[in-house]
Amino acid sequence: MRLKMAAAFAAVAIVGVSAGAAYATTSAVTLYDNLSETTQSANPYSDFTLGPLADSFSTGSTAVTLGTVSVSLQEAFFDPPSDYATVSLVADDNNTPGAVLATLGTVYDGQLSFTPTTYSFSGGEQLTADTRYWIEISGTEYSVGAWTLDGDDAGTGVAGEYFRNFNGVSSSANGAYQMEVTAEAASVSAAPEPSTWLLMMTGIGGVGLWLRRANKRFGLGGKGALAVVH
């Protein structure tokens, strides 16, 4: 019975030490953001010879989870509200949009106004380190929504990226579609939470108490390896 109690205390101590050594947390990281830049123009994303449109972004030196994607859209012409645009995460293919990796959401023409408005979508997809991805917006045939652009490559993570419209792929130095892309990055905290300290101390204290009682009952010495008593 006492041996079982000692084993239980030891297990608690081991779990507490392990948790204290590598306490994982998550923190938000901004990969791309030019939403606050001055809007210069807007490109329509209808697939009637105009779309789709796309804007690239890149990850850093560690793998992350896609957090939130926000895009600045507006209405270009009046249109029945049943038409819509699809916002997707797309792979890179030699600095051009490649295969669709995930559909993030839709925006109906009825949601748009002639004033640029930000629409946000949740991600959750795993992104590889040091990799370029694209956010692509594709409208239905008669959709008349548009994606706003700024005039240069100012903003977090914009320089060195690309955008694609009906004229092909261009450098972000010529302007970029306005969006924000965040990610969730894992980090390790060296300082355990109070509950972790309590777990470690409970286990270690329990093992110490058992050893003291074992010394008195079985005459075990205080030095050397712990003997297993059957």
C-alpha atoms as a PDB file:
ATOM      1  CA  MET A   1       0.000   0.000   0.000  1.00  0.00           C
ATOM      2  CA  ARG A   2       2.809   2.373   0.974  1.00  0.00           C
ATOM      3  CA  LEU A   3       4.695   1.509  -2.183  1.00  0.00           C
ATOM      4  CA  LYS A   4       1.615   2.345  -4.261  1.00  0.00           C
ATOM      5  CA  MET A   5       1.330   5.689  -2.498  1.00  0.00           C
ATOM      6  CA  ALA A   6       5.006   6.431  -3.134  1.00  0.00           C
ATOM      7  CA  ALA A   7       4.620   5.537  -6.801  1.00  0.00           C
ATOM      8  CA  ALA A   8       1.617   7.838  -7.071  1.00  0.00           C
ATOM      9  CA  PHE A   9       3.491  10.757  -5.490  1.00  0.00           C
ATOM     10  CA  ALA A  10       6.460  10.127  -7.783  1.00  0.00           C
ATOM     11  CA  ALA A  11       4.201  10.164 -10.831  1.00  0.00           C
ATOM     12  CA  VAL A  12       2.700  13.478  -9.746  1.00  0.00           C
ATOM     13  CA  ALA A  13       6.174  14.939  -9.316  1.00  0.00           C
ATOM     14  CA  ILE A  14       7.303  13.736 -12.758  1.00  0.00           C
ATOM     15  CA  VAL A  15       4.230  15.190 -14.445  1.00  0.00           C
ATOM     16  CA  GLY A  16       4.757  18.505 -12.664  1.00  0.00           C
ATOM     17  CA  VAL A  17       8.441  18.690 -13.622  1.00  0.00           C
ATOM     18  CA  SER A  18       7.643  17.872 -17.239  1.00  0.00           C
ATOM     19  CA  ALA A  19       4.961  20.537 -17.387  1.00  0.00           C
ATOM     20  CA  GLY A  20       7.267  23.083 -15.797  1.00  0.00           C
ATOM     21  CA  ALA A  21      10.115  22.333 -18.207  1.00  0.00           C
ATOM     22  CA  ALA A  22       8.056  22.993 -21.332  1.00  0.00           C
ATOM     23  CA  TYR A  23       4.934  25.017 -20.702  1.00  0.00           C
ATOM     24  CA  ALA A  24       3.460  25.712 -24.148  1.00  0.00           C
ATOM     25  CA  THR A  25       1.492  28.853 -24.993  1.00  0.00           C
ATOM     26  CA  THR A  26       0.275  30.421 -28.227  1.00  0.00           C
ATOM     27  CA  SER A  27       0.730  33.975 -29.407  1.00  0.00           C
ATOM     28  CA  ALA A  28      -0.664  35.901 -32.363  1.00  0.00           C
ATOM     29  CA  VAL A  29       1.734  36.856 -35.154  1.00  0.00           C
ATOM     30  CA  THR A  30       0.968  39.305 -37.978  1.00  0.00           C
ATOM     31  CA  LEU A  31       2.283  37.942 -41.274  1.00  0.00           C
ATOM     32  CA  TYR A  32       0.849  40.648 -43.539  1.00  0.00           C
ATOM     33  CA  ASP A  33      -0.998  43.912 -42.925  1.00  0.00           C
ATOM     34  CA  ASN A  34      -1.586  46.945 -45.134  1.00  0.00           C
ATOM     35  CA  LEU A  35      -5.198  47.626 -44.190  1.00  0.00           C
ATOM     36  CA  SER A  36      -4.305  50.989 -42.681  1.00  0.00           C
ATOM     37  CA  GLU A  37      -2.545  52.197 -45.838  1.00  0.00           C
ATOM     38  CA  THR A  38      -4.267  54.714 -48.121  1.00  0.00           C
ATOM     39  CA  THR A  39      -6.534  53.080 -50.716  1.00  0.00           C
ATOM     40  CA  GLN A  40      -5.571  54.073 -54.259  1.00  0.00           C
ATOM     41  CA  SER A  41      -7.944  52.002 -56.398  1.00  0.00           C
ATOM     42  CA  ALA A  42      -9.899  48.741 -56.549  1.00  0.00           C
ATOM     43  CA  ASN A  43      -9.986  45.810 -58.989  1.00  0.00           C
ATOM     44  CA  PRO A  44     -13.221  43.895 -59.725  1.00  0.00           C
ATOM     45  CA  TYR A  45     -13.058  40.136 -59.082  1.00  0.00           C
ATOM     46  CA  SER A  46     -15.898  38.896 -61.313  1.00  0.00           C
ATOM     47  CA  ASP A  47     -14.873  35.809 -63.297  1.00  0.00           C
ATOM     48  CA  PHE A  48     -16.337  37.480 -66.389  1.00  0.00           C
ATOM     49  CA  THR A  49     -12.779  37.907 -67.841  1.00  0.00           C
ATOM     50  CA  LEU A  50     -11.687  39.954 -64.781  1.00  0.00           C
ATOM     51  CA  GLY A  51     -10.876  37.562 -61.960  1.00  0.00           C
ATOM     52  CA  PRO A  52      -9.820  35.879 -59.860  1.00  0.00           C
ATOM     53  CA  LEU A  53      -7.589  38.250 -57.892  1.00  0.00           C
ATOM     54  CA  ALA A  54      -4.844  37.152 -55.497  1.00  0.00           C
ATOM     55  CA  ASP A  55      -2.325  38.587 -53.044  1.00  0.00           C
ATOM     56  CA  SER A  56       0.671  36.694 -51.626  1.00  0.00           C
ATOM     57  CA  PHE A  57       2.116  36.508 -48.104  1.00  0.00           C
ATOM     58  CA  SER A  58       4.917  34.483 -46.531  1.00  0.00           C
ATOM     59  CA  THR A  59       5.579  32.696 -43.258  1.00  0.00           C
ATOM     60  CA  GLY A  60       8.681  33.147 -41.119  1.00  0.00           C
ATOM     61  CA  SER A  61      11.250  30.672 -39.836  1.00  0.00           C
ATOM     62  CA  THR A  62       8.728  28.558 -37.887  1.00  0.00           C
ATOM     63  CA  ALA A  63       5.566  26.726 -38.850  1.00  0.00           C
ATOM     64  CA  VAL A  64       2.349  28.429 -37.737  1.00  0.00           C
ATOM     65  CA  THR A  65      -1.416  27.996 -37.812  1.00  0.00           C
ATOM     66  CA  LEU A  66      -3.411  30.403 -39.959  1.00  0.00           C
ATOM     67  CA  GLY A  67      -5.377  32.693 -37.671  1.00  0.00           C
ATOM     68  CA  THR A  68      -7.564  35.373 -39.274  1.00  0.00           C
ATOM     69  CA  VAL A  69      -7.653  36.696 -42.842  1.00  0.00           C
ATOM     70  CA  SER A  70      -9.193  40.159 -43.312  1.00  0.00           C
ATOM     71  CA  VAL A  71      -9.732  41.746 -46.732  1.00  0.00           C
ATOM     72  CA  SER A  72     -10.928  45.206 -47.786  1.00  0.00           C
ATOM     73  CA  LEU A  73     -13.761  44.972 -50.338  1.00  0.00           C
ATOM     74  CA  GLN A  74     -16.246  47.352 -51.908  1.00  0.00           C
ATOM     75  CA  GLU A  75     -19.017  47.360 -54.483  1.00  0.00           C
ATOM     76  CA  ALA A  76     -18.018  48.501 -57.977  1.00  0.00           C
ATOM     77  CA  PHE A  77     -21.450  48.542 -59.696  1.00  0.00           C
ATOM     78  CA  PHE A  78     -25.036  47.899 -58.676  1.00  0.00           C
ATOM     79  CA  ASP A  79     -25.917  44.239 -58.973  1.00  0.00           C
ATOM     80  CA  PRO A  80     -28.468  41.709 -57.635  1.00  0.00           C
ATOM     81  CA  PRO A  81     -27.326  40.634 -54.139  1.00  0.00           C
ATOM     82  CA  SER A  82     -27.346  36.915 -54.976  1.00  0.00           C
ATOM     83  CA  ASP A  83     -23.889  37.021 -56.632  1.00  0.00           C
ATOM     84  CA  TYR A  84     -20.911  36.461 -54.361  1.00  0.00           C
ATOM     85  CA  ALA A  85     -17.151  36.071 -54.001  1.00  0.00           C
ATOM     86  CA  THR A  86     -15.218  33.142 -52.536  1.00  0.00           C
ATOM     87  CA  VAL A  87     -12.127  33.811 -50.413  1.00  0.00           C
ATOM     88  CA  SER A  88      -9.552  30.995 -50.481  1.00  0.00           C
ATOM     89  CA  LEU A  89      -6.104  30.056 -49.188  1.00  0.00           C
ATOM     90  CA  VAL A  90      -3.988  29.060 -52.179  1.00  0.00           C
ATOM     91  CA  ALA A  91      -0.587  27.427 -52.562  1.00  0.00           C
ATOM     92  CA  ASP A  92       2.294  29.120 -54.360  1.00  0.00           C
ATOM     93  CA  ASP A  93       3.480  27.873 -57.741  1.00  0.00           C
ATOM     94  CA  ASN A  94       6.721  29.649 -58.677  1.00  0.00           C
ATOM     95  CA  ASN A  95       5.459  33.045 -57.460  1.00  0.00           C
ATOM     96  CA  THR A  96       2.006  32.580 -58.980  1.00  0.00           C
ATOM     97  CA  PRO A  97      -1.215  31.286 -57.374  1.00  0.00           C
ATOM     98  CA  GLY A  98      -1.409  27.482 -57.429  1.00  0.00           C
ATOM     99  CA  ALA A  99      -3.862  24.935 -56.052  1.00  0.00           C
ATOM    100  CA  VAL A 100      -6.612  25.902 -53.626  1.00  0.00           C
ATOM    101  CA  LEU A 101      -5.768  24.651 -50.114  1.00  0.00           C
ATOM    102  CA  ALA A 102      -8.886  25.779 -48.248  1.00  0.00           C
ATOM    103  CA  THR A 103     -12.014  27.874 -48.696  1.00  0.00           C
ATOM    104  CA  LEU A 104     -12.115  30.522 -45.976  1.00  0.00           C
ATOM    105  CA  GLY A 105     -15.545  32.029 -46.642  1.00  0.00           C
ATOM    106  CA  THR A 106     -17.835  33.975 -48.973  1.00  0.00           C
ATOM    107  CA  VAL A 107     -19.001  37.575 -49.318  1.00  0.00           C
ATOM    108  CA  TYR A 108     -22.307  38.269 -51.086  1.00  0.00           C
ATOM    109  CA  ASP A 109     -22.776  41.365 -53.217  1.00  0.00           C
ATOM    110  CA  GLY A 110     -25.651  42.315 -50.934  1.00  0.00           C
ATOM    111  CA  GLN A 111     -23.124  42.755 -48.091  1.00  0.00           C
ATOM    112  CA  LEU A 112     -21.032  45.269 -50.023  1.00  0.00           C
ATOM    113  CA  SER A 113     -21.235  49.043 -50.174  1.00  0.00           C
ATOM    114  CA  PHE A 114     -19.365  51.660 -52.191  1.00  0.00           C
ATOM    115  CA  THR A 115     -17.298  52.410 -49.097  1.00  0.00           C
ATOM    116  CA  PRO A 116     -14.374  49.983 -48.540  1.00  0.00           C
ATOM    117  CA  THR A 117     -15.262  47.586 -45.733  1.00  0.00           C
ATOM    118  CA  THR A 118     -13.154  44.936 -43.991  1.00  0.00           C
ATOM    119  CA  TYR A 119     -14.433  41.334 -43.945  1.00  0.00           C
ATOM    120  CA  SER A 120     -12.707  38.755 -41.736  1.00  0.00           C
ATOM    121  CA  PHE A 121     -12.498  34.971 -41.924  1.00  0.00           C
ATOM    122  CA  SER A 122     -11.119  32.338 -39.547  1.00  0.00           C
ATOM    123  CA  GLY A 123      -8.354  30.010 -40.677  1.00  0.00           C
ATOM    124  CA  GLY A 124      -6.974  27.018 -38.771  1.00  0.00           C
ATOM    125  CA  GLU A 125      -4.849  25.577 -41.566  1.00  0.00           C
ATOM    126  CA  GLN A 126      -1.244  24.583 -40.860  1.00  0.00           C
ATOM    127  CA  LEU A 127       1.311  26.750 -42.671  1.00  0.00           C
ATOM    128  CA  THR A 128       4.856  25.557 -43.375  1.00  0.00           C
ATOM    129  CA  ALA A 129       7.847  27.666 -42.350  1.00  0.00           C
ATOM    130  CA  ASP A 130       9.537  29.921 -44.946  1.00  0.00           C
ATOM    131  CA  THR A 131       6.766  29.381 -47.472  1.00  0.00           C
ATOM    132  CA  ARG A 132       4.743  31.727 -49.699  1.00  0.00           C
ATOM    133  CA  TYR A 133       0.950  31.429 -49.829  1.00  0.00           C
ATOM    134  CA  TRP A 134      -1.783  33.404 -51.559  1.00  0.00           C
ATOM    135  CA  ILE A 135      -5.197  34.724 -50.592  1.00  0.00           C
ATOM    136  CA  GLU A 136      -7.427  34.488 -53.662  1.00  0.00           C
ATOM    137  CA  ILE A 137     -10.817  36.089 -54.286  1.00  0.00           C
ATOM    138  CA  SER A 138     -12.962  34.681 -57.082  1.00  0.00           C
ATOM    139  CA  GLY A 139     -16.373  36.119 -57.916  1.00  0.00           C
ATOM    140  CA  THR A 140     -19.324  34.550 -59.676  1.00  0.00           C
ATOM    141  CA  GLU A 141     -19.827  35.525 -63.323  1.00  0.00           C
ATOM    142  CA  TYR A 142     -21.828  38.694 -62.659  1.00  0.00           C
ATOM    143  CA  SER A 143     -20.458  39.658 -59.267  1.00  0.00           C
ATOM    144  CA  VAL A 144     -19.422  43.310 -59.215  1.00  0.00           C
ATOM    145  CA  GLY A 145     -17.442  43.452 -55.982  1.00  0.00           C
ATOM    146  CA  ALA A 146     -13.870  44.770 -55.951  1.00  0.00           C
ATOM    147  CA  TRP A 147     -10.732  44.340 -53.836  1.00  0.00           C
ATOM    148  CA  THR A 148      -9.036  47.602 -52.834  1.00  0.00           C
ATOM    149  CA  LEU A 149      -5.335  48.343 -53.464  1.00  0.00           C
ATOM    150  CA  ASP A 150      -2.817  50.706 -51.929  1.00  0.00           C
ATOM    151  CA  GLY A 151      -0.100  52.396 -53.951  1.00  0.00           C
ATOM    152  CA  ASP A 152       3.134  50.737 -52.781  1.00  0.00           C
ATOM    153  CA  ASP A 153       4.598  47.952 -50.647  1.00  0.00           C
ATOM    154  CA  ALA A 154       4.292  49.701 -47.265  1.00  0.00           C
ATOM    155  CA  GLY A 155       2.925  47.664 -44.371  1.00  0.00           C
ATOM    156  CA  THR A 156       3.938  44.595 -42.380  1.00  0.00           C
ATOM    157  CA  GLY A 157       5.161  41.724 -44.571  1.00  0.00           C
ATOM    158  CA  VAL A 158       4.173  43.406 -47.868  1.00  0.00           C
ATOM    159  CA  ALA A 159       7.602  44.133 -49.384  1.00  0.00           C
ATOM    160  CA  GLY A 160       8.841  41.336 -51.628  1.00  0.00           C
ATOM    161  CA  GLU A 161       5.366  39.879 -52.217  1.00  0.00           C
ATOM    162  CA  TYR A 162       3.143  39.784 -55.324  1.00  0.00           C
ATOM    163  CA  PHE A 163      -0.408  40.421 -56.459  1.00  0.00           C
ATOM    164  CA  ARG A 164      -2.309  38.973 -59.399  1.00  0.00           C
ATOM    165  CA  ASN A 165      -5.074  40.659 -61.412  1.00  0.00           C
ATOM    166  CA  PHE A 166      -6.435  40.315 -64.963  1.00  0.00           C
ATOM    167  CA  ASN A 167      -3.099  41.630 -66.324  1.00  0.00           C
ATOM    168  CA  GLY A 168      -1.054  38.915 -64.626  1.00  0.00           C
ATOM    169  CA  VAL A 169       1.316  38.856 -61.644  1.00  0.00           C
ATOM    170  CA  SER A 170       3.050  42.045 -60.452  1.00  0.00           C
ATOM    171  CA  SER A 171       5.426  42.972 -57.653  1.00  0.00           C
ATOM    172  CA  SER A 172       3.966  44.472 -54.479  1.00  0.00           C
ATOM    173  CA  ALA A 173       6.238  47.470 -55.124  1.00  0.00           C
ATOM    174  CA  ASN A 174       3.605  48.527 -57.675  1.00  0.00           C
ATOM    175  CA  GLY A 175       0.825  48.276 -55.092  1.00  0.00           C
ATOM    176  CA  ALA A 176      -0.867  45.463 -53.203  1.00  0.00           C
ATOM    177  CA  TYR A 177      -4.373  44.314 -52.360  1.00  0.00           C
ATOM    178  CA  GLN A 178      -5.315  45.386 -48.877  1.00  0.00           C
ATOM    179  CA  MET A 179      -5.557  42.618 -46.313  1.00  0.00           C
ATOM    180  CA  GLU A 180      -4.325  41.417 -42.946  1.00  0.00           C
ATOM    181  CA  VAL A 181      -3.144  37.860 -42.269  1.00  0.00           C
ATOM    182  CA  THR A 182      -2.463  36.683 -38.721  1.00  0.00           C
ATOM    183  CA  ALA A 183      -1.199  33.347 -37.425  1.00  0.00           C
ATOM    184  CA  GLU A 184      -0.925  31.468 -34.156  1.00  0.00           C
ATOM    185  CA  ALA A 185       2.645  30.553 -33.226  1.00  0.00           C
ATOM    186  CA  ALA A 186       3.565  28.131 -30.438  1.00  0.00           C
ATOM    187  CA  SER A 187       6.033  29.357 -27.811  1.00  0.00           C
ATOM    188  CA  VAL A 188       7.567  27.828 -24.671  1.00  0.00           C
ATOM    189  CA  SER A 189       7.521  29.595 -21.327  1.00  0.00           C
ATOM    190  CA  ALA A 190      10.371  28.871 -18.905  1.00  0.00           C
ATOM    191  CA  ALA A 191       8.263  29.820 -15.891  1.00  0.00           C
ATOM    192  CA  PRO A 192       5.530  27.311 -14.967  1.00  0.00           C
ATOM    193  CA  GLU A 193       2.109  28.471 -13.855  1.00  0.00           C
ATOM    194  CA  PRO A 194       1.315  28.397 -10.081  1.00  0.00           C
ATOM    195  CA  SER A 195      -0.728  25.229 -10.567  1.00  0.00           C
ATOM    196  CA  THR A 196       2.330  23.513 -12.087  1.00  0.00           C
ATOM    197  CA  TRP A 197       4.506  24.492  -9.115  1.00  0.00           C
ATOM    198  CA  LEU A 198       1.862  23.104  -6.750  1.00  0.00           C
ATOM    199  CA  LEU A 199       1.805  19.820  -8.689  1.00  0.00           C
ATOM    200  CA  MET A 200       5.576  19.439  -8.472  1.00  0.00           C
ATOM    201  CA  MET A 201       5.782  20.312  -4.779  1.00  0.00           C
ATOM    202  CA  THR A 202       2.923  17.967  -3.868  1.00  0.00           C
ATOM    203  CA  GLY A 203       4.609  15.033  -5.571  1.00  0.00           C
ATOM    204  CA  ILE A 204       8.108  15.730  -4.261  1.00  0.00           C
ATOM    205  CA  GLY A 205       6.819  16.368  -0.738  1.00  0.00           C
ATOM    206  CA  GLY A 206       4.850  13.124  -0.772  1.00  0.00           C
ATOM    207  CA  VAL A 207       7.903  11.109  -1.853  1.00  0.00           C
ATOM    208  CA  GLY A 208       9.986  12.744   0.902  1.00  0.00           C
ATOM    209  CA  LEU A 209       7.394  11.915   3.567  1.00  0.00           C
ATOM    210  CA  TRP A 210       7.234   8.289   2.446  1.00  0.00           C
ATOM    211  CA  LEU A 211      11.051   7.976   2.540  1.00  0.00           C
ATOM    212  CA  ARG A 212      11.166   9.354   6.106  1.00  0.00           C
ATOM    213  CA  ARG A 213       8.593   6.808   7.292  1.00  0.00           C
ATOM    214  CA  ALA A 214      10.372   4.015   5.423  1.00  0.00           C
ATOM    215  CA  ASN A 215      13.675   4.923   7.119  1.00  0.00           C
ATOM    216  CA  LYS A 216      12.078   4.608  10.549  1.00  0.00           C
ATOM    217  CA  ARG A 217      10.245   1.351   9.845  1.00  0.00           C
ATOM    218  CA  PHE A 218      12.812  -0.551   7.772  1.00  0.00           C
ATOM    219  CA  GLY A 219      16.032   1.101   8.895  1.00  0.00           C
ATOM    220  CA  LEU A 220      16.860   2.314   5.371  1.00  0.00           C
ATOM    221  CA  GLY A 221      19.918   4.481   5.117  1.00  0.00           C
ATOM    222  CA  GLY A 222      19.647   8.027   3.864  1.00  0.00           C
ATOM    223  CA  LYS A 223      22.308   7.463   1.182  1.00  0.00           C
ATOM    224  CA  GLY A 224      22.517   5.458  -2.007  1.00  0.00           C
ATOM    225  CA  ALA A 225      19.794   4.228  -4.337  1.00  0.00           C
ATOM    226  CA  LEU A 226      16.251   3.672  -3.135  1.00  0.00           C
ATOM    227  CA  ALA A 227      15.636   0.002  -2.405  1.00  0.00           C
ATOM    228  CA  VAL A 228      12.360  -1.554  -3.470  1.00  0.00           C
ATOM    229  CA  VAL A 229      10.699  -3.228  -0.475  1.00  0.00           C
ATOM    230  CA  HIS A 230       8.422  -6.173  -1.303  1.00  0.00           C
END
